[in-house]
């Protein structure tokens, strides 16, 4: 593109030549008008003008060609620079795209790895929880079977009575020593009591009888109207009142048992219903000196009984404890005397040590005096020298 020369357009060249010719003709005409003498001058001037115009035209064409060549070279250099910049930008863009793509690939890989770890952890936790749920389901099934069995037990009066007695036995065994109770004890009247607490007088032996009025309570729970609920509550009150009278008549024996007895209800629900809505029955039991207890309140009562037994045992051993305390005081008195004697020996030993210290100090002083005397004596003295006075003393 640098060797390209663009000629002037033909139309422009013809226009310039036409203008020159027209100028020449006008000049000739004007010279003819002014006189024939100036024709030659006009022609010469016209030729001169045409030559100058042709030279200017050629110069302009050369300048135009040079400028066009410069423009073409500039455009080519600019295009080369632009192409080079585009190539650089393309390489940078490709490099950035590769880096971005690598970064995105790395992030996607890390995300997939984290997702895989999270999924694996979640699946492990899910398996563990499913295993726990499976175990819980088995426990629920076992518990349901046990509940059904418990319902079968409680539906039978004899089995229900045995259930109450077993629960009573477990509570008593946990709270008291074996010497403090007896199960199925026979009284002088020949009647058997579920449990007899053997306490010292007062209060004496206390009888505990287990009762479980389940039918009356179940009727109360199944009542659908207020009238049915009131009737069922009266039936429950009558059943408990009958049990209280039986216990008061059978198990409170003057001279053999305490003046009170315990009625054990192996159900906290029946006990709560009794104290919430049947307070008259509770008061009647108080008047008959029959204390109604539930598993919770029985445990508190047994702990009190254990404290009473412990206090009674301590009272029985009070004489022995007093004798032991007296002997302990004698030992303390003898120890005090011996400590006094030992202290006297220590004081005497301290006094003797002081006297020994005085003697050692005197010996040390006299040794110093002897050393001074030996230093002051001349060696040529041959006559025996009497001992100086400073050696005498205590």
Protein backbone atom coordinates (compact mmCIF):
# COMPACT_ATOMS: atom_id res chain seq x y z
CA UNK A 1 0.00 0.00 0.00
CA UNK A 2 3.00 2.32 0.42
CA UNK A 3 3.79 2.17 -3.45
CA UNK A 4 0.21 3.05 -4.46
CA UNK A 5 -0.12 6.40 -6.45
CA UNK A 6 -3.63 7.59 -7.05
CA UNK A 7 -3.96 9.92 -10.20
CA UNK A 8 -6.30 12.87 -10.26
CA UNK A 9 -9.77 12.13 -11.52
CA UNK A 10 -10.25 12.81 -15.24
CA UNK A 11 -13.18 15.12 -14.60
CA UNK A 12 -11.05 17.30 -12.33
CA UNK A 13 -8.23 17.42 -14.91
CA UNK A 14 -10.66 18.37 -17.70
CA UNK A 15 -12.25 21.01 -15.49
CA UNK A 16 -8.84 22.52 -14.77
CA UNK A 17 -7.82 22.44 -18.45
CA UNK A 18 -11.14 23.94 -19.52
CA UNK A 19 -10.69 26.74 -17.03
CA UNK A 20 -7.19 27.40 -18.37
CA UNK A 21 -8.41 27.42 -21.98
CA UNK A 22 -11.30 29.69 -21.09
CA UNK A 23 -8.95 32.03 -19.33
CA UNK A 24 -6.66 32.03 -22.33
CA UNK A 25 -9.49 32.76 -24.74
CA UNK A 26 -10.76 35.55 -22.56
CA UNK A 27 -7.30 37.01 -22.40
CA UNK A 28 -6.94 36.75 -26.19
CA UNK A 29 -10.29 38.35 -26.67
CA UNK A 30 -9.42 41.14 -24.35
CA UNK A 31 -6.12 41.70 -26.13
CA UNK A 32 -7.89 41.71 -29.47
CA UNK A 33 -10.26 44.16 -28.04
CA UNK A 34 -7.51 46.37 -26.82
CA UNK A 35 -5.45 46.04 -29.99
CA UNK A 36 -3.53 43.66 -32.11
CA UNK A 37 -0.29 44.72 -30.61
CA UNK A 38 -0.96 42.87 -27.48
CA UNK A 39 -1.90 39.56 -29.07
CA UNK A 40 1.55 38.19 -28.91
CA UNK A 41 1.93 39.29 -25.36
CA UNK A 42 -1.37 37.71 -24.46
CA UNK A 43 -0.41 34.46 -26.12
CA UNK A 44 2.89 34.46 -24.35
CA UNK A 45 1.26 35.25 -21.10
CA UNK A 46 -1.33 32.52 -21.70
CA UNK A 47 1.32 29.97 -22.41
CA UNK A 48 3.22 31.07 -19.39
CA UNK A 49 0.10 30.76 -17.30
CA UNK A 50 -0.71 27.34 -18.76
CA UNK A 51 2.83 26.18 -18.02
CA UNK A 52 2.66 27.51 -14.47
CA UNK A 53 -0.77 25.95 -14.03
CA UNK A 54 0.50 22.65 -15.36
CA UNK A 55 3.49 22.83 -13.03
CA UNK A 56 1.26 23.68 -10.09
CA UNK A 57 -1.09 20.90 -11.11
CA UNK A 58 1.81 18.42 -11.30
CA UNK A 59 3.17 19.66 -7.97
CA UNK A 60 -0.26 19.37 -6.39
CA UNK A 61 -0.65 15.90 -7.84
CA UNK A 62 2.76 14.91 -6.44
CA UNK A 63 1.92 16.37 -3.02
CA UNK A 64 -1.46 14.64 -3.11
CA UNK A 65 0.18 11.35 -4.03
CA UNK A 66 2.75 11.80 -1.23
CA UNK A 67 0.06 12.59 1.31
CA UNK A 68 -2.03 9.65 0.14
CA UNK A 69 1.05 7.44 0.49
CA UNK A 70 1.69 8.80 3.99
CA UNK A 71 -1.96 8.24 4.89
CA UNK A 72 -1.78 4.71 3.51
CA UNK A 73 1.41 4.03 5.46
CA UNK A 74 -0.13 5.50 8.62
CA UNK A 75 -3.24 3.42 8.12
CA UNK A 76 -1.15 0.30 7.56
CA UNK A 77 0.91 0.99 10.71
CA UNK A 78 -2.26 1.73 12.67
CA UNK A 79 -3.85 -1.46 11.37
CA UNK A 80 -0.71 -3.38 12.31
CA UNK A 81 -0.71 -1.85 15.82
CA UNK A 82 -4.43 -2.53 16.14
CA UNK A 83 -3.91 -6.11 14.95
CA UNK A 84 -1.03 -6.57 17.42
CA UNK A 85 -3.09 -5.07 20.26
CA UNK A 86 -6.00 -7.26 19.30
CA UNK A 87 -3.70 -10.29 19.35
CA UNK A 88 -2.34 -9.26 22.78
CA UNK A 89 -5.85 -8.67 24.10
CA UNK A 90 -6.95 -11.96 22.60
CA UNK A 91 -4.09 -13.78 24.33
CA UNK A 92 -4.82 -12.00 27.64
CA UNK A 93 -8.51 -12.76 27.27
CA UNK A 94 -7.76 -16.40 26.49
CA UNK A 95 -5.42 -16.56 29.50
CA UNK A 96 -8.03 -14.99 31.78
CA UNK A 97 -10.68 -17.31 30.41
CA UNK A 98 -8.43 -20.29 31.07
CA UNK A 99 -7.71 -19.06 34.62
CA UNK A 100 -11.40 -18.40 35.25
CA UNK A 101 -12.32 -21.77 33.80
CA UNK A 102 -9.68 -23.49 35.97
CA UNK A 103 -10.90 -21.60 39.05
CA UNK A 104 -14.52 -22.47 38.29
CA UNK A 105 -13.53 -26.10 37.71
CA UNK A 106 -11.62 -26.16 41.01
CA UNK A 107 -14.54 -24.61 42.88
CA UNK A 108 -16.99 -27.00 41.31
CA UNK A 109 -14.72 -29.90 42.28
CA UNK A 110 -14.42 -28.66 45.87
CA UNK A 111 -18.16 -28.07 46.04
CA UNK A 112 -18.85 -31.54 44.69
CA UNK A 113 -16.40 -33.04 47.17
CA UNK A 114 -17.99 -31.15 50.07
CA UNK A 115 -21.42 -32.15 48.86
CA UNK A 116 -20.27 -35.75 48.65
CA UNK A 117 -18.86 -35.64 52.20
CA UNK A 118 -21.99 -33.90 53.49
CA UNK A 119 -24.21 -36.39 51.72
CA UNK A 120 -22.19 -39.30 53.10
CA UNK A 121 -22.35 -37.84 56.63
CA UNK A 122 -26.07 -37.23 56.26
CA UNK A 123 -26.62 -40.76 55.04
CA UNK A 124 -24.59 -42.12 57.96
CA UNK A 125 -26.60 -40.04 60.44
CA UNK A 126 -29.78 -41.11 58.72
CA UNK A 127 -28.78 -44.76 59.00
CA UNK A 128 -27.94 -44.32 62.68
CA UNK A 129 -31.24 -42.55 63.34
CA UNK A 130 -33.13 -45.18 61.42
CA UNK A 131 -31.40 -47.81 63.54
CA UNK A 132 -32.41 -45.89 66.70
CA UNK A 133 -35.96 -45.58 65.38
CA UNK A 134 -35.97 -49.31 64.64
CA UNK A 135 -34.85 -50.05 68.19
CA UNK A 136 -37.44 -47.61 69.55
CA UNK A 137 -40.10 -49.28 67.40
CA UNK A 138 -39.12 -52.64 68.84
CA UNK A 139 -39.24 -51.18 72.34
CA UNK A 140 -42.68 -49.69 71.63
CA UNK A 141 -43.87 -53.06 70.37
CA UNK A 142 -42.50 -54.74 73.49
CA UNK A 143 -44.03 -52.03 75.66
CA UNK A 144 -47.38 -52.46 73.93
CA UNK A 145 -47.22 -56.16 74.62
CA UNK A 146 -46.37 -55.45 78.23
CA UNK A 147 -49.22 -52.93 78.50
CA UNK A 148 -51.63 -55.49 77.12
CA UNK A 149 -50.29 -57.99 79.63
CA UNK A 150 -50.66 -55.40 82.39
CA UNK A 151 -54.24 -54.77 81.34
CA UNK A 152 -54.89 -58.52 81.47
CA UNK A 153 -53.35 -58.62 84.93
CA UNK A 154 -55.34 -55.65 86.20
CA UNK A 155 -58.60 -57.02 84.82
CA UNK A 156 -58.37 -59.95 87.24
CA UNK A 157 -58.99 -59.10 90.91
CA UNK A 158 -56.61 -61.72 92.24
CA UNK A 159 -53.87 -60.75 89.78
CA UNK A 160 -54.51 -57.08 90.56
CA UNK A 161 -54.17 -57.79 94.28
CA UNK A 162 -50.89 -59.61 93.62
CA UNK A 163 -49.68 -56.63 91.56
CA UNK A 164 -50.35 -54.25 94.47
CA UNK A 165 -48.65 -56.60 96.94
CA UNK A 166 -45.54 -56.94 94.73
CA UNK A 167 -45.25 -53.18 94.37
CA UNK A 168 -45.67 -52.81 98.15
CA UNK A 169 -43.00 -55.45 98.78
CA UNK A 170 -40.53 -53.73 96.44
CA UNK A 171 -40.96 -50.36 98.14
CA UNK A 172 -40.60 -51.79 101.65
CA UNK A 173 -37.53 -53.86 100.74
CA UNK A 174 -35.84 -50.81 99.22
CA UNK A 175 -36.50 -48.55 102.24
CA UNK A 176 -36.19 -50.73 105.38
CA UNK A 177 -33.82 -53.36 106.77
CA UNK A 178 -35.13 -56.96 106.83
CA UNK A 179 -35.61 -56.92 110.60
CA UNK A 180 -38.10 -54.05 110.36
CA UNK A 181 -40.91 -55.76 108.39
CA UNK A 182 -42.71 -59.05 107.75
CA UNK A 183 -44.82 -59.94 104.70
CA UNK A 184 -48.08 -61.88 105.01
CA UNK A 185 -47.78 -61.72 108.78
CA UNK A 186 -50.48 -63.51 110.80
CA UNK A 187 -52.09 -61.61 113.69
CA UNK A 188 -53.47 -63.16 116.86
CA UNK A 189 -56.94 -63.09 115.33
CA UNK A 190 -55.72 -65.36 112.54
CA UNK A 191 -55.97 -62.70 109.84
CA UNK A 192 -53.08 -62.15 107.44
CA UNK A 193 -51.84 -58.67 106.62
CA UNK A 194 -49.90 -57.85 103.45
CA UNK A 195 -47.06 -56.21 105.39
CA UNK A 196 -46.40 -55.60 109.08
CA UNK A 197 -43.83 -53.00 110.14
CA UNK A 198 -42.24 -54.13 113.40
CA UNK A 199 -41.61 -50.85 115.24
CA UNK A 200 -40.80 -50.43 118.94
CA UNK A 201 -43.43 -49.07 121.33
CA UNK A 202 -44.61 -46.47 120.77
CA UNK A 203 -46.12 -46.65 118.20
CA UNK A 204 -45.81 -50.43 117.85
CA UNK A 205 -46.39 -52.65 114.83
CA UNK A 206 -48.09 -50.93 111.87
CA UNK A 207 -50.12 -52.95 109.35
CA UNK A 208 -50.11 -52.09 105.62
CA UNK A 209 -52.80 -53.48 103.33
CA UNK A 210 -52.76 -53.01 99.53
CA UNK A 211 -56.07 -52.15 97.81
CA UNK A 212 -56.70 -51.29 94.16
CA UNK A 213 -60.32 -50.21 93.31
CA UNK A 214 -59.69 -50.31 89.56
CA UNK A 215 -63.25 -51.03 88.37
CA UNK A 216 -64.73 -48.02 90.14
CA UNK A 217 -61.95 -45.74 88.90
CA UNK A 218 -62.24 -47.08 85.33
CA UNK A 219 -65.98 -46.41 85.41
CA UNK A 220 -65.22 -42.84 86.47
CA UNK A 221 -62.71 -42.44 83.64
CA UNK A 222 -65.18 -43.75 81.04
CA UNK A 223 -68.08 -41.54 82.18
CA UNK A 224 -69.39 -39.34 79.35
CA UNK A 225 -71.74 -36.95 81.17
CA UNK A 226 -71.74 -35.12 84.49
CA UNK A 227 -74.45 -37.39 85.89
CA UNK A 228 -72.50 -40.51 84.99
CA UNK A 229 -69.34 -38.95 86.39
CA UNK A 230 -71.04 -38.12 89.72
CA UNK A 231 -72.48 -41.64 89.99
CA UNK A 232 -69.08 -43.21 89.22
CA UNK A 233 -67.37 -40.95 91.77
CA UNK A 234 -69.89 -42.03 94.44
CA UNK A 235 -69.19 -45.67 93.55
CA UNK A 236 -65.43 -45.05 93.95
CA UNK A 237 -66.05 -43.38 97.31
CA UNK A 238 -68.10 -46.32 98.52
CA UNK A 239 -65.43 -48.84 97.42
CA UNK A 240 -62.62 -46.97 99.19
CA UNK A 241 -64.76 -46.40 102.32
CA UNK A 242 -65.45 -50.16 102.51
CA UNK A 243 -61.70 -50.90 102.26
CA UNK A 244 -60.97 -48.34 104.99
CA UNK A 245 -63.57 -49.92 107.34
CA UNK A 246 -62.17 -53.40 106.71
CA UNK A 247 -58.62 -52.27 107.48
CA UNK A 248 -59.70 -50.44 110.63
CA UNK A 249 -61.62 -53.47 111.91
CA UNK A 250 -59.07 -56.16 110.96
CA UNK A 251 -55.63 -54.64 111.33
CA UNK A 252 -55.91 -52.19 114.24
CA UNK A 253 -55.71 -54.49 117.25
CA UNK A 254 -55.17 -52.86 120.68
CA UNK A 255 -52.18 -54.30 122.47
CA UNK A 256 -50.87 -56.03 119.35
CA UNK A 257 -50.57 -53.34 116.68
CA UNK A 258 -50.35 -49.57 116.64
CA UNK A 259 -53.50 -47.48 116.87
CA UNK A 260 -53.29 -46.74 113.14
CA UNK A 261 -52.80 -48.61 109.86
CA UNK A 262 -51.85 -47.85 106.26
CA UNK A 263 -53.93 -48.42 103.12
CA UNK A 264 -51.67 -48.65 100.06
CA UNK A 265 -53.08 -47.54 96.68
CA UNK A 266 -50.65 -48.70 93.93
CA UNK A 267 -51.85 -45.93 91.58
CA UNK A 268 -50.96 -42.25 91.74
CA UNK A 269 -54.00 -41.42 89.55
CA UNK A 270 -56.47 -42.99 92.01
CA UNK A 271 -54.67 -41.26 94.90
CA UNK A 272 -54.86 -37.88 93.13
CA UNK A 273 -58.55 -38.33 92.31
CA UNK A 274 -59.21 -39.26 95.90
CA UNK A 275 -57.57 -36.15 97.37
CA UNK A 276 -58.89 -33.84 94.64
CA UNK A 277 -62.59 -34.76 94.56
CA UNK A 278 -63.27 -37.16 97.48
CA UNK A 279 -61.94 -35.28 100.49
CA UNK A 280 -64.79 -36.58 102.65
CA UNK A 281 -63.50 -40.14 102.17
CA UNK A 282 -59.99 -39.01 103.17
CA UNK A 283 -61.36 -37.31 106.29
CA UNK A 284 -63.35 -40.43 107.21
CA UNK A 285 -60.16 -42.48 106.87
CA UNK A 286 -58.38 -40.01 109.19
CA UNK A 287 -61.10 -40.43 111.79
CA UNK A 288 -60.73 -44.20 111.57
CA UNK A 289 -56.90 -43.73 111.81
CA UNK A 290 -56.29 -45.36 108.46
CA UNK A 291 -53.71 -43.42 106.45
CA UNK A 292 -54.15 -43.72 102.67
CA UNK A 293 -50.80 -43.68 100.85
CA UNK A 294 -49.62 -43.89 97.22
CA UNK A 295 -46.24 -45.25 96.03
CA UNK A 296 -44.67 -41.80 96.44
CA UNK A 297 -46.12 -41.00 99.86
CA UNK A 298 -45.46 -44.57 101.08
CA UNK A 299 -41.75 -44.14 100.27
CA UNK A 300 -41.71 -40.92 102.33
CA UNK A 301 -43.49 -42.73 105.18
CA UNK A 302 -41.02 -45.61 105.06
CA UNK A 303 -38.10 -43.18 105.21
CA UNK A 304 -39.66 -41.68 108.35
CA UNK A 305 -40.02 -45.20 109.79
CA UNK A 306 -36.37 -45.85 109.05
CA UNK A 307 -35.42 -42.69 110.93
CA UNK A 308 -37.55 -43.82 113.88
CA UNK A 309 -35.85 -47.21 113.89
CA UNK A 310 -32.45 -45.56 113.79
CA UNK A 311 -33.37 -43.28 116.69
CA UNK A 312 -34.65 -46.24 118.71
CA UNK A 313 -31.44 -48.14 118.08
CA UNK A 314 -29.42 -45.14 119.18
CA UNK A 315 -31.54 -44.89 122.35
CA UNK A 316 -30.90 -48.58 123.11
CA UNK A 317 -27.17 -48.03 122.75
CA UNK A 318 -27.17 -44.82 124.81
CA UNK A 319 -25.75 -46.57 127.94
CA UNK A 320 -22.96 -48.16 125.95
CA UNK A 321 -22.20 -44.84 124.32
CA UNK A 322 -22.06 -43.13 127.74
CA UNK A 323 -19.65 -45.78 129.06
CA UNK A 324 -17.45 -45.44 126.01
CA UNK A 325 -17.49 -41.67 126.37
CA UNK A 326 -16.45 -42.02 130.07
CA UNK A 327 -13.54 -44.27 129.12
CA UNK A 328 -12.63 -41.82 126.39
CA UNK A 329 -12.54 -38.99 128.97
CA UNK A 330 -10.24 -41.08 131.22
CA UNK A 331 -7.91 -41.65 128.30
CA UNK A 332 -7.90 -37.93 127.54
CA UNK A 333 -7.13 -37.14 131.20
CA UNK A 334 -4.20 -39.59 131.26
CA UNK A 335 -2.96 -38.15 128.00
CA UNK A 336 -3.03 -34.67 129.54
CA UNK A 337 -1.00 -35.84 132.54
CA UNK A 338 1.58 -37.50 130.33
CA UNK A 339 1.83 -34.41 128.16
CA UNK A 340 2.44 -32.35 131.33
CA UNK A 341 5.23 -34.67 132.41
CA UNK A 342 6.74 -34.56 128.96
CA UNK A 343 6.58 -30.78 129.04
CA UNK A 344 8.44 -30.79 132.41
CA UNK A 345 11.13 -32.98 130.85
CA UNK A 346 11.35 -30.59 127.94
CA UNK A 347 11.78 -27.61 130.28
CA UNK A 348 14.51 -29.46 132.25
CA UNK A 349 16.24 -30.43 129.02
CA UNK A 350 16.05 -26.83 127.85
CA UNK A 351 17.63 -25.65 131.12
CA UNK A 352 20.38 -28.25 130.78
CA UNK A 353 21.03 -27.13 127.22
CA UNK A 354 21.36 -23.55 128.41
CA UNK A 355 23.96 -24.64 131.03
CA UNK A 356 25.85 -26.63 128.39
CA UNK A 357 25.81 -23.56 126.14
CA UNK A 358 27.27 -21.42 128.94
CA UNK A 359 30.04 -23.94 129.55
CA UNK A 360 30.94 -24.10 125.83
CA UNK A 361 31.07 -20.30 125.65
CA UNK A 362 33.46 -20.21 128.64
CA UNK A 363 35.65 -22.87 127.09
CA UNK A 364 35.78 -20.92 123.86
CA UNK A 365 36.78 -17.70 125.64
CA UNK A 366 39.52 -19.44 127.61
CA UNK A 367 40.87 -21.02 124.44
CA UNK A 368 41.13 -17.57 122.90
CA UNK A 369 43.02 -16.27 125.90
CA UNK A 370 45.43 -19.22 125.75
CA UNK A 371 46.06 -18.52 122.06
CA UNK A 372 46.82 -14.86 122.80
CA UNK A 373 49.25 -15.80 125.60
CA UNK A 374 51.21 -18.19 123.36
CA UNK A 375 51.56 -15.48 120.68
CA UNK A 376 52.89 -12.81 123.10
CA UNK A 377 55.60 -15.07 124.77
CA UNK A 378 59.18 -14.89 123.21
CA UNK A 379 60.69 -18.15 121.98
CA UNK A 380 64.03 -17.77 123.87
CA UNK A 381 62.40 -17.97 127.28
CA UNK A 382 63.51 -21.31 128.76
CA UNK A 383 62.42 -20.94 132.31
CA UNK A 384 59.04 -22.36 133.12
CA UNK A 385 56.41 -19.75 133.19
CA UNK A 386 53.68 -19.89 135.73
CA UNK A 387 50.19 -20.05 134.48
CA UNK A 388 48.68 -16.58 134.17
CA UNK A 389 45.80 -15.55 136.32
CA UNK A 390 43.46 -15.18 133.40
CA UNK A 391 43.34 -18.97 133.14
CA UNK A 392 41.77 -19.26 136.53
CA UNK A 393 38.10 -19.04 136.96
CA UNK A 394 34.93 -21.07 137.04
